[in-house]
Amino acid sequence: MLSLLTILKQDERAQGLVEYALLIAVIALVVVLAMMLIGPSIGNAFSEVGSAMD
């Protein structure tokens, strides 16, 4: 009985680890998508500043 409780306790920790991993994956996906959308406009802004300095 004690070994069963130990196994169940370990499974809960693994579940928490999986939840954190999924959360990190979702956050990373949102950051990548945001960079894909915002990236070109930031690049254009730097190009304009660089052209103005010449």
C-alpha atoms as a PDB file:
ATOM      1  CA  MET A   1       0.000   0.000   0.000  1.00  0.00           C
ATOM      2  CA  LEU A   2       2.824   2.401   0.818  1.00  0.00           C
ATOM      3  CA  SER A   3       4.516   1.742  -2.517  1.00  0.00           C
ATOM      4  CA  LEU A   4       1.241   2.542  -4.338  1.00  0.00           C
ATOM      5  CA  LEU A   5       1.021   5.888  -2.534  1.00  0.00           C
ATOM      6  CA  THR A   6       4.630   6.611  -3.442  1.00  0.00           C
ATOM      7  CA  ILE A   7       3.949   5.905  -7.116  1.00  0.00           C
ATOM      8  CA  LEU A   8       0.876   8.140  -7.125  1.00  0.00           C
ATOM      9  CA  LYS A   9       2.834  10.951  -5.496  1.00  0.00           C
ATOM     10  CA  GLN A  10       5.540  10.676  -8.160  1.00  0.00           C
ATOM     11  CA  ASP A  11       2.902  10.778 -10.901  1.00  0.00           C
ATOM     12  CA  GLU A  12       1.587  14.072  -9.551  1.00  0.00           C
ATOM     13  CA  ARG A  13       5.032  15.604  -9.784  1.00  0.00           C
ATOM     14  CA  ALA A  14       5.370  14.381 -13.352  1.00  0.00           C
ATOM     15  CA  GLN A  15       1.986  15.890 -14.158  1.00  0.00           C
ATOM     16  CA  GLY A  16       3.138  19.258 -12.852  1.00  0.00           C
ATOM     17  CA  LEU A  17       6.288  19.000 -14.946  1.00  0.00           C
ATOM     18  CA  VAL A  18       4.246  18.284 -18.060  1.00  0.00           C
ATOM     19  CA  GLU A  19       1.965  21.234 -17.328  1.00  0.00           C
ATOM     20  CA  TYR A  20       4.950  23.572 -16.987  1.00  0.00           C
ATOM     21  CA  ALA A  21       6.465  22.198 -20.201  1.00  0.00           C
ATOM     22  CA  LEU A  22       3.212  22.815 -22.078  1.00  0.00           C
ATOM     23  CA  LEU A  23       2.993  26.329 -20.662  1.00  0.00           C
ATOM     24  CA  ILE A  24       6.544  27.100 -21.765  1.00  0.00           C
ATOM     25  CA  ALA A  25       5.826  25.692 -25.238  1.00  0.00           C
ATOM     26  CA  VAL A  26       2.733  27.884 -25.619  1.00  0.00           C
ATOM     27  CA  ILE A  27       4.622  30.979 -24.470  1.00  0.00           C
ATOM     28  CA  ALA A  28       7.464  30.211 -26.885  1.00  0.00           C
ATOM     29  CA  LEU A  29       4.972  29.797 -29.729  1.00  0.00           C
ATOM     30  CA  VAL A  30       3.352  33.145 -28.941  1.00  0.00           C
ATOM     31  CA  VAL A  31       6.753  34.863 -28.851  1.00  0.00           C
ATOM     32  CA  VAL A  32       7.781  33.354 -32.196  1.00  0.00           C
ATOM     33  CA  LEU A  33       4.505  34.371 -33.833  1.00  0.00           C
ATOM     34  CA  ALA A  34       4.802  37.893 -32.433  1.00  0.00           C
ATOM     35  CA  MET A  35       8.338  38.207 -33.768  1.00  0.00           C
ATOM     36  CA  MET A  36       7.222  37.012 -37.191  1.00  0.00           C
ATOM     37  CA  LEU A  37       4.521  39.677 -37.254  1.00  0.00           C
ATOM     38  CA  ILE A  38       6.524  42.545 -35.743  1.00  0.00           C
ATOM     39  CA  GLY A  39       9.933  41.695 -37.210  1.00  0.00           C
ATOM     40  CA  PRO A  40       9.554  43.268 -40.656  1.00  0.00           C
ATOM     41  CA  SER A  41       8.294  46.577 -39.269  1.00  0.00           C
ATOM     42  CA  ILE A  42      11.194  46.757 -36.824  1.00  0.00           C
ATOM     43  CA  GLY A  43      13.618  45.996 -39.654  1.00  0.00           C
ATOM     44  CA  ASN A  44      12.092  48.776 -41.750  1.00  0.00           C
ATOM     45  CA  ALA A  45      12.399  51.219 -38.862  1.00  0.00           C
ATOM     46  CA  PHE A  46      16.101  50.428 -38.455  1.00  0.00           C
ATOM     47  CA  SER A  47      16.627  50.750 -42.200  1.00  0.00           C
ATOM     48  CA  GLU A  48      14.987  54.184 -42.218  1.00  0.00           C
ATOM     49  CA  VAL A  49      17.124  55.346 -39.296  1.00  0.00           C
ATOM     50  CA  GLY A  50      20.232  54.032 -41.014  1.00  0.00           C
ATOM     51  CA  SER A  51      19.319  55.779 -44.266  1.00  0.00           C
ATOM     52  CA  ALA A  52      18.667  59.058 -42.441  1.00  0.00           C
ATOM     53  CA  MET A  53      22.121  58.919 -40.847  1.00  0.00           C
ATOM     54  CA  ASP A  54      23.920  58.676 -44.186  1.00  0.00           C
END
